C-alpha atoms as a PDB file:
ATOM      1  CA  MET A   1     -93.091 122.254  68.705  1.00  0.00           C
ATOM      2  CA  ASP A   2     -91.444 121.838  65.557  1.00  0.00           C
ATOM      3  CA  GLY A   3     -87.583 121.787  64.596  1.00  0.00           C
ATOM      4  CA  ALA A   4     -87.566 125.496  63.963  1.00  0.00           C
ATOM      5  CA  ASP A   5     -88.910 126.043  67.438  1.00  0.00           C
ATOM      6  CA  ARG A   6     -86.246 123.916  69.292  1.00  0.00           C
ATOM      7  CA  PHE A   7     -83.235 125.909  67.393  1.00  0.00           C
ATOM      8  CA  VAL A   8     -82.255 128.740  69.674  1.00  0.00           C
ATOM      9  CA  PHE A   9     -79.843 131.239  68.564  1.00  0.00           C
ATOM     10  CA  CYS A  10     -77.205 132.744  71.149  1.00  0.00           C
ATOM     11  CA  PRO A  11     -75.245 135.758  69.529  1.00  0.00           C
ATOM     12  CA  PHE A  12     -72.948 135.543  72.476  1.00  0.00           C
ATOM     13  CA  ARG A  13     -71.705 131.988  72.342  1.00  0.00           C
ATOM     14  CA  GLY A  14     -69.055 132.741  70.227  1.00  0.00           C
ATOM     15  CA  ALA A  15     -67.904 135.576  72.056  1.00  0.00           C
ATOM     16  CA  LEU A  16     -67.899 133.572  75.287  1.00  0.00           C
ATOM     17  CA  ARG A  17     -65.611 131.006  73.699  1.00  0.00           C
ATOM     18  CA  MET A  18     -63.347 133.711  72.452  1.00  0.00           C
ATOM     19  CA  ARG A  19     -63.079 135.585  75.838  1.00  0.00           C
ATOM     20  CA  SER A  20     -62.442 131.928  77.702  1.00  0.00           C
ATOM     21  CA  TRP A  21     -59.525 131.391  74.937  1.00  0.00           C
ATOM     22  CA  ARG A  22     -58.121 134.805  75.673  1.00  0.00           C
ATOM     23  CA  ILE A  23     -58.297 134.328  79.363  1.00  0.00           C
ATOM     24  CA  ARG A  24     -56.200 131.026  79.136  1.00  0.00           C
ATOM     25  CA  PHE A  25     -53.770 132.683  76.845  1.00  0.00           C
ATOM     26  CA  VAL A  26     -53.220 135.614  78.970  1.00  0.00           C
ATOM     27  CA  ARG A  27     -52.798 133.305  82.129  1.00  0.00           C
ATOM     28  CA  SER A  28     -50.260 131.226  80.112  1.00  0.00           C
ATOM     29  CA  LEU A  29     -48.246 134.352  79.289  1.00  0.00           C
ATOM     30  CA  LEU A  30     -48.276 135.293  82.979  1.00  0.00           C
ATOM     31  CA  ILE A  31     -46.988 131.998  84.214  1.00  0.00           C
ATOM     32  CA  VAL A  32     -44.355 132.057  81.779  1.00  0.00           C
ATOM     33  CA  SER A  33     -43.362 135.768  82.611  1.00  0.00           C
ATOM     34  CA  LEU A  34     -43.272 134.910  86.087  1.00  0.00           C
ATOM     35  CA  ALA A  35     -40.960 131.881  85.542  1.00  0.00           C
ATOM     36  CA  LEU A  36     -38.584 133.985  83.321  1.00  0.00           C
ATOM     37  CA  GLY A  37     -38.457 136.676  85.832  1.00  0.00           C
ATOM     38  CA  ALA A  38     -37.542 134.395  88.753  1.00  0.00           C
ATOM     39  CA  MET A  39     -34.943 132.833  86.607  1.00  0.00           C
ATOM     40  CA  VAL A  40     -33.361 136.341  85.746  1.00  0.00           C
ATOM     41  CA  HIS A  41     -33.623 137.407  89.332  1.00  0.00           C
ATOM     42  CA  ALA A  42     -31.793 134.197  90.419  1.00  0.00           C
ATOM     43  CA  GLN A  43     -29.058 134.904  87.992  1.00  0.00           C
ATOM     44  CA  ALA A  44     -28.888 138.613  89.020  1.00  0.00           C
ATOM     45  CA  ILE A  45     -28.025 137.725  92.574  1.00  0.00           C
ATOM     46  CA  PRO A  46     -24.494 136.726  92.717  1.00  0.00           C
ATOM     47  CA  PRO A  47     -23.517 134.114  95.247  1.00  0.00           C
ATOM     48  CA  PRO A  48     -22.153 135.221  98.671  1.00  0.00           C
ATOM     49  CA  PRO A  49     -18.413 135.819  98.736  1.00  0.00           C
ATOM     50  CA  PRO A  50     -16.201 133.247 100.815  1.00  0.00           C
ATOM     51  CA  PRO A  51     -15.177 134.049 104.238  1.00  0.00           C
ATOM     52  CA  PRO A  52     -11.921 135.754 104.502  1.00  0.00           C
ATOM     53  CA  PRO A  53      -9.061 133.629 105.570  1.00  0.00           C
ATOM     54  CA  SER A  54      -7.887 133.586 109.127  1.00  0.00           C
ATOM     55  CA  PRO A  55      -4.869 135.767 109.670  1.00  0.00           C
ATOM     56  CA  ASP A  56      -1.589 133.806 109.743  1.00  0.00           C
ATOM     57  CA  ALA A  57      -0.342 133.075 113.138  1.00  0.00           C
ATOM     58  CA  GLY A  58       3.277 134.694 112.403  1.00  0.00           C
ATOM     59  CA  ASP A  59       5.749 136.498 114.529  1.00  0.00           C
ATOM     60  CA  MET A  60       4.258 139.499 116.079  1.00  0.00           C
ATOM     61  CA  ARG A  61       7.221 141.344 117.538  1.00  0.00           C
ATOM     62  CA  VAL A  62       7.389 143.494 114.415  1.00  0.00           C
ATOM     63  CA  SER A  63       3.813 144.520 115.140  1.00  0.00           C
ATOM     64  CA  LEU A  64       4.061 145.962 118.838  1.00  0.00           C
ATOM     65  CA  LEU A  65       2.845 149.432 119.010  1.00  0.00           C
ATOM     66  CA  TRP A  66       3.494 149.498 122.938  1.00  0.00           C
ATOM     67  CA  ARG A  67       4.999 146.831 125.338  1.00  0.00           C
ATOM     68  CA  PRO A  68       5.561 147.143 128.971  1.00  0.00           C
ATOM     69  CA  SER A  69       9.009 146.782 130.784  1.00  0.00           C
ATOM     70  CA  LEU A  70      10.501 143.214 130.601  1.00  0.00           C
ATOM     71  CA  GLU A  71      12.179 143.626 134.158  1.00  0.00           C
ATOM     72  CA  PRO A  72       9.391 141.257 135.824  1.00  0.00           C
ATOM     73  CA  VAL A  73       9.999 138.637 133.194  1.00  0.00           C
ATOM     74  CA  GLN A  74      13.823 138.782 133.588  1.00  0.00           C
ATOM     75  CA  ALA A  75      13.611 138.661 137.252  1.00  0.00           C
ATOM     76  CA  ALA A  76      11.228 135.484 136.911  1.00  0.00           C
ATOM     77  CA  PHE A  77      13.896 134.080 134.738  1.00  0.00           C
ATOM     78  CA  LYS A  78      16.659 134.532 137.062  1.00  0.00           C
ATOM     79  CA  ALA A  79      14.600 133.011 139.801  1.00  0.00           C
ATOM     80  CA  SER A  80      13.695 129.985 137.945  1.00  0.00           C
ATOM     81  CA  GLY A  81      17.240 128.749 138.100  1.00  0.00           C
ATOM     82  CA  LEU A  82      17.049 127.891 134.296  1.00  0.00           C
ATOM     83  CA  ARG A  83      20.184 128.229 132.216  1.00  0.00           C
ATOM     84  CA  VAL A  84      18.080 128.727 128.831  1.00  0.00           C
ATOM     85  CA  ALA A  85      14.533 129.097 128.044  1.00  0.00           C
ATOM     86  CA  GLU A  86      12.579 129.655 124.719  1.00  0.00           C
ATOM     87  CA  PRO A  87       8.880 129.943 125.451  1.00  0.00           C
ATOM     88  CA  VAL A  88       6.292 130.985 122.891  1.00  0.00           C
ATOM     89  CA  LEU A  89       3.019 132.598 123.117  1.00  0.00           C
ATOM     90  CA  LEU A  90       0.015 132.490 120.952  1.00  0.00           C
ATOM     91  CA  ILE A  91      -1.979 135.834 121.161  1.00  0.00           C
ATOM     92  CA  ALA A  92      -5.491 136.419 119.791  1.00  0.00           C
ATOM     93  CA  TYR A  93      -6.205 140.128 119.364  1.00  0.00           C
ATOM     94  CA  ASP A  94      -9.046 142.480 118.497  1.00  0.00           C
ATOM     95  CA  ALA A  95      -9.333 145.181 115.890  1.00  0.00           C
ATOM     96  CA  ASP A  96      -7.941 147.652 118.432  1.00  0.00           C
ATOM     97  CA  GLY A  97      -4.698 145.470 118.994  1.00  0.00           C
ATOM     98  CA  ARG A  98      -5.899 144.553 122.621  1.00  0.00           C
ATOM     99  CA  PRO A  99      -5.134 140.809 123.476  1.00  0.00           C
ATOM    100  CA  THR A 100      -8.229 138.789 123.912  1.00  0.00           C
ATOM    101  CA  ASN A 101      -6.566 135.473 124.632  1.00  0.00           C
ATOM    102  CA  ILE A 102      -3.173 134.189 125.340  1.00  0.00           C
ATOM    103  CA  ASP A 103      -1.934 130.569 125.144  1.00  0.00           C
ATOM    104  CA  VAL A 104       1.466 129.207 126.041  1.00  0.00           C
ATOM    105  CA  VAL A 105       2.298 126.979 122.976  1.00  0.00           C
ATOM    106  CA  LYS A 106       5.798 126.348 124.039  1.00  0.00           C
ATOM    107  CA  SER A 107       6.608 126.379 128.033  1.00  0.00           C
ATOM    108  CA  SER A 108       9.690 127.657 129.469  1.00  0.00           C
ATOM    109  CA  ARG A 109       9.427 124.521 131.780  1.00  0.00           C
ATOM    110  CA  HIS A 110       8.813 126.718 134.647  1.00  0.00           C
ATOM    111  CA  ARG A 111       5.441 127.685 135.939  1.00  0.00           C
ATOM    112  CA  ASP A 112       6.318 131.101 137.288  1.00  0.00           C
ATOM    113  CA  LEU A 113       8.222 132.268 134.184  1.00  0.00           C
ATOM    114  CA  ASP A 114       5.476 131.066 132.115  1.00  0.00           C
ATOM    115  CA  ARG A 115       2.763 133.219 134.028  1.00  0.00           C
ATOM    116  CA  ALA A 116       5.363 136.265 134.150  1.00  0.00           C
ATOM    117  CA  ILE A 117       5.405 136.475 130.242  1.00  0.00           C
ATOM    118  CA  VAL A 118       1.596 135.722 130.030  1.00  0.00           C
ATOM    119  CA  GLU A 119       1.044 138.752 132.371  1.00  0.00           C
ATOM    120  CA  TRP A 120       3.620 140.834 130.181  1.00  0.00           C
ATOM    121  CA  ALA A 121       1.632 139.940 127.055  1.00  0.00           C
ATOM    122  CA  LYS A 122      -1.644 141.024 128.353  1.00  0.00           C
ATOM    123  CA  GLN A 123      -0.356 144.550 128.371  1.00  0.00           C
ATOM    124  CA  VAL A 124       0.923 144.907 124.869  1.00  0.00           C
ATOM    125  CA  ARG A 125      -0.688 146.794 122.191  1.00  0.00           C
ATOM    126  CA  LEU A 126      -0.473 145.876 118.610  1.00  0.00           C
ATOM    127  CA  ALA A 127      -0.330 148.069 115.504  1.00  0.00           C
ATOM    128  CA  THR A 128      -3.375 146.565 113.667  1.00  0.00           C
ATOM    129  CA  THR A 129      -6.963 147.435 112.296  1.00  0.00           C
ATOM    130  CA  SER A 130      -8.293 143.930 112.431  1.00  0.00           C
ATOM    131  CA  ALA A 131      -8.623 140.917 114.527  1.00  0.00           C
ATOM    132  CA  GLY A 132      -6.238 138.164 114.348  1.00  0.00           C
ATOM    133  CA  SER A 133      -3.748 136.086 116.138  1.00  0.00           C
ATOM    134  CA  GLY A 134       0.095 135.717 115.999  1.00  0.00           C
ATOM    135  CA  ARG A 135       2.991 134.341 118.131  1.00  0.00           C
ATOM    136  CA  ILE A 136       5.549 135.793 120.265  1.00  0.00           C
ATOM    137  CA  PRO A 137       8.820 133.984 120.902  1.00  0.00           C
ATOM    138  CA  PHE A 138      11.014 134.577 123.971  1.00  0.00           C
ATOM    139  CA  SER A 139      14.630 133.727 124.235  1.00  0.00           C
ATOM    140  CA  PHE A 140      16.376 133.768 127.878  1.00  0.00           C
ATOM    141  CA  ILE A 141      20.040 132.837 128.529  1.00  0.00           C
ATOM    142  CA  ASP A 142      21.854 132.804 131.792  1.00  0.00           C
ATOM    143  CA  GLU A 143      24.369 135.692 131.716  1.00  0.00           C
ATOM    144  CA  THR A 144      27.051 133.454 133.296  1.00  0.00           C
ATOM    145  CA  LEU A 145      27.060 131.279 130.371  1.00  0.00           C
ATOM    146  CA  THR A 146      29.916 131.641 127.949  1.00  0.00           C
ATOM    147  CA  GLU A 147      30.367 130.598 124.292  1.00  0.00           C
ATOM    148  CA  ASP A 148      32.455 127.675 125.586  1.00  0.00           C
ATOM    149  CA  VAL A 149      29.625 126.178 127.677  1.00  0.00           C
ATOM    150  CA  ALA A 150      26.829 124.866 125.358  1.00  0.00           C
ATOM    151  CA  PRO A 151      23.250 124.450 126.479  1.00  0.00           C
ATOM    152  CA  ILE A 152      22.551 120.727 127.570  1.00  0.00           C
ATOM    153  CA  PRO A 153      20.807 119.257 124.416  1.00  0.00           C
ATOM    154  CA  GLU A 154      17.285 117.973 124.927  1.00  0.00           C
ATOM    155  CA  ILE A 155      16.845 114.111 124.657  1.00  0.00           C
ATOM    156  CA  ARG A 156      14.380 113.611 121.997  1.00  0.00           C
ATOM    157  CA  VAL A 157      11.629 110.481 122.024  1.00  0.00           C
ATOM    158  CA  ALA A 158      13.547 109.513 118.641  1.00  0.00           C
ATOM    159  CA  GLU A 159      16.672 108.704 120.391  1.00  0.00           C
ATOM    160  CA  LEU A 160      15.053 106.580 123.100  1.00  0.00           C
ATOM    161  CA  ALA A 161      15.486 102.844 122.365  1.00  0.00           C
ATOM    162  CA  PHE A 162      13.362 101.979 125.382  1.00  0.00           C
ATOM    163  CA  LYS A 163      10.558 104.121 126.946  1.00  0.00           C
ATOM    164  CA  PRO A 164       9.069 102.782 130.084  1.00  0.00           C
ATOM    165  CA  PRO A 165       5.334 103.162 130.534  1.00  0.00           C
ATOM    166  CA  LEU A 166       4.311 106.716 131.936  1.00  0.00           C
ATOM    167  CA  LYS A 167       1.349 105.144 133.902  1.00  0.00           C
ATOM    168  CA  ALA A 168       2.808 105.811 137.287  1.00  0.00           C
ATOM    169  CA  VAL A 169       3.943 109.278 136.355  1.00  0.00           C
ATOM    170  CA  LEU A 170       0.591 110.317 134.962  1.00  0.00           C
ATOM    171  CA  GLN A 171      -1.148 108.900 138.064  1.00  0.00           C
ATOM    172  CA  SER A 172       0.955 110.979 140.365  1.00  0.00           C
ATOM    173  CA  PHE A 173       0.121 114.078 138.406  1.00  0.00           C
ATOM    174  CA  ALA A 174      -3.518 113.135 138.542  1.00  0.00           C
ATOM    175  CA  SER A 175      -3.274 113.016 142.208  1.00  0.00           C
ATOM    176  CA  THR A 176      -2.089 116.641 142.572  1.00  0.00           C
ATOM    177  CA  ASP A 177      -4.043 119.787 142.687  1.00  0.00           C
ATOM    178  CA  PHE A 178      -2.111 121.397 139.818  1.00  0.00           C
ATOM    179  CA  SER A 179      -4.139 122.046 136.452  1.00  0.00           C
ATOM    180  CA  GLU A 180      -0.434 122.086 135.082  1.00  0.00           C
ATOM    181  CA  ALA A 181       3.034 121.171 136.128  1.00  0.00           C
ATOM    182  CA  PHE A 182       6.398 121.349 134.676  1.00  0.00           C
ATOM    183  CA  ALA A 183       9.607 119.329 135.679  1.00  0.00           C
ATOM    184  CA  GLU A 184      13.036 118.677 134.158  1.00  0.00           C
ATOM    185  CA  VAL A 185      15.835 116.319 134.733  1.00  0.00           C
ATOM    186  CA  HIS A 186      19.302 116.038 133.594  1.00  0.00           C
ATOM    187  CA  VAL A 187      20.352 112.502 132.378  1.00  0.00           C
ATOM    188  CA  ASP A 188      23.961 111.104 132.209  1.00  0.00           C
ATOM    189  CA  TYR A 189      24.264 108.083 130.036  1.00  0.00           C
ATOM    190  CA  ALA A 190      26.839 105.637 128.622  1.00  0.00           C
ATOM    191  CA  ALA A 191      27.844 104.690 125.195  1.00  0.00           C
ATOM    192  CA  ASP A 192      25.520 101.671 125.208  1.00  0.00           C
ATOM    193  CA  GLY A 193      22.579 103.986 126.188  1.00  0.00           C
ATOM    194  CA  GLY A 194      22.284 102.904 129.819  1.00  0.00           C
ATOM    195  CA  VAL A 195      21.329 105.687 132.181  1.00  0.00           C
ATOM    196  CA  THR A 196      24.132 106.311 134.896  1.00  0.00           C
ATOM    197  CA  ASP A 197      22.769 109.273 136.614  1.00  0.00           C
ATOM    198  CA  VAL A 198      19.449 111.484 136.930  1.00  0.00           C
ATOM    199  CA  ARG A 199      19.340 114.786 138.664  1.00  0.00           C
ATOM    200  CA  LEU A 200      16.146 116.915 139.217  1.00  0.00           C
ATOM    201  CA  VAL A 201      16.832 120.340 138.040  1.00  0.00           C
ATOM    202  CA  ASP A 202      13.533 121.809 137.907  1.00  0.00           C
ATOM    203  CA  SER A 203      10.869 120.750 140.488  1.00  0.00           C
ATOM    204  CA  SER A 204       7.214 120.218 139.603  1.00  0.00           C
ATOM    205  CA  GLY A 205       6.299 121.508 143.199  1.00  0.00           C
ATOM    206  CA  SER A 206       5.153 118.231 144.196  1.00  0.00           C
ATOM    207  CA  ALA A 207       7.566 115.585 145.809  1.00  0.00           C
ATOM    208  CA  SER A 208       5.553 112.433 144.664  1.00  0.00           C
ATOM    209  CA  LEU A 209       5.384 113.566 141.093  1.00  0.00           C
ATOM    210  CA  ASP A 210       9.279 114.652 141.032  1.00  0.00           C
ATOM    211  CA  LYS A 211      10.021 111.297 142.544  1.00  0.00           C
ATOM    212  CA  ALA A 212       7.963 109.427 139.824  1.00  0.00           C
ATOM    213  CA  VAL A 213       9.581 111.607 137.001  1.00  0.00           C
ATOM    214  CA  VAL A 214      13.133 110.650 138.371  1.00  0.00           C
ATOM    215  CA  ALA A 215      12.209 107.125 138.800  1.00  0.00           C
ATOM    216  CA  TRP A 216      10.806 107.028 135.156  1.00  0.00           C
ATOM    217  CA  SER A 217      13.917 108.567 133.840  1.00  0.00           C
ATOM    218  CA  LYS A 218      16.305 106.174 135.447  1.00  0.00           C
ATOM    219  CA  ARG A 219      14.510 103.203 133.275  1.00  0.00           C
ATOM    220  CA  ILE A 220      14.858 104.859 129.889  1.00  0.00           C
ATOM    221  CA  LYS A 221      17.461 103.489 127.439  1.00  0.00           C
ATOM    222  CA  LEU A 222      19.125 105.485 124.791  1.00  0.00           C
ATOM    223  CA  LYS A 223      20.436 104.329 121.317  1.00  0.00           C
ATOM    224  CA  PRO A 224      23.971 103.121 121.677  1.00  0.00           C
ATOM    225  CA  GLY A 225      26.417 105.617 120.484  1.00  0.00           C
ATOM    226  CA  THR A 226      28.496 107.897 122.575  1.00  0.00           C
ATOM    227  CA  ALA A 227      28.350 108.709 126.171  1.00  0.00           C
ATOM    228  CA  GLY A 228      27.049 112.192 127.139  1.00  0.00           C
ATOM    229  CA  MET A 229      24.255 114.186 128.883  1.00  0.00           C
ATOM    230  CA  GLY A 230      21.026 115.576 128.091  1.00  0.00           C
ATOM    231  CA  ARG A 231      17.836 116.923 129.723  1.00  0.00           C
ATOM    232  CA  LEU A 232      14.401 115.589 129.657  1.00  0.00           C
ATOM    233  CA  PRO A 233      11.691 118.276 130.228  1.00  0.00           C
ATOM    234  CA  PHE A 234       8.132 117.308 131.249  1.00  0.00           C
ATOM    235  CA  VAL A 235       5.059 119.130 130.953  1.00  0.00           C
ATOM    236  CA  PHE A 236       1.705 117.948 132.449  1.00  0.00           C
ATOM    237  CA  ARG A 237      -1.765 119.459 131.901  1.00  0.00           C
ATOM    238  CA  LYS A 238      -5.194 118.333 133.068  1.00  0.00           C
ATOM    239  CA  PRO A 239      -7.969 118.646 130.670  1.00  0.00           C
END
């Protein structure tokens, strides 16, 4: 067979090459289009909005839509023997204004009075359309007090020059069946800060815990200054 016989002419070879080039070109355009579409789609979707801020736990007395009678609470205060009490409740509520959770964030230093105000707060209704939380402060004062008789000031930790360890007091509380306990003593002290007398004015309900509180209070020493009297409230809670 000569050279002419070995040469075979194929009229479709150029067409096949052209078709293959067009397929690759179209495929490249499709990939670019898909990539651009994804970019545009990503830019078109805005980021999720930040969560709304939690409602400020402010004074809710102005938001009370309905509140029950305070007579049971006032009776509990009179029965407590306290001269002054200023407890504060933190109340969480739903969108209908109904309390869902109530915490005593500042105790009256008397268990029965705290329970009375919590029971009272369970029945309140708030004027609101969204859930939130807020505080309700209470202020009680003995009607026998006059303007000439000032409440006994509380002794602050910053006023103590010496504070004995609380280990014995905490152990005494741990040995009780109470999940929480409150006690208060009145302390007389001299100008040099030494304690001259301690009186238990609000019992914890446990004789051993009361004894430990009084014994601890007799050992404190205030910073030197002027003689006087102050009160020491104790609040105990088990985790």
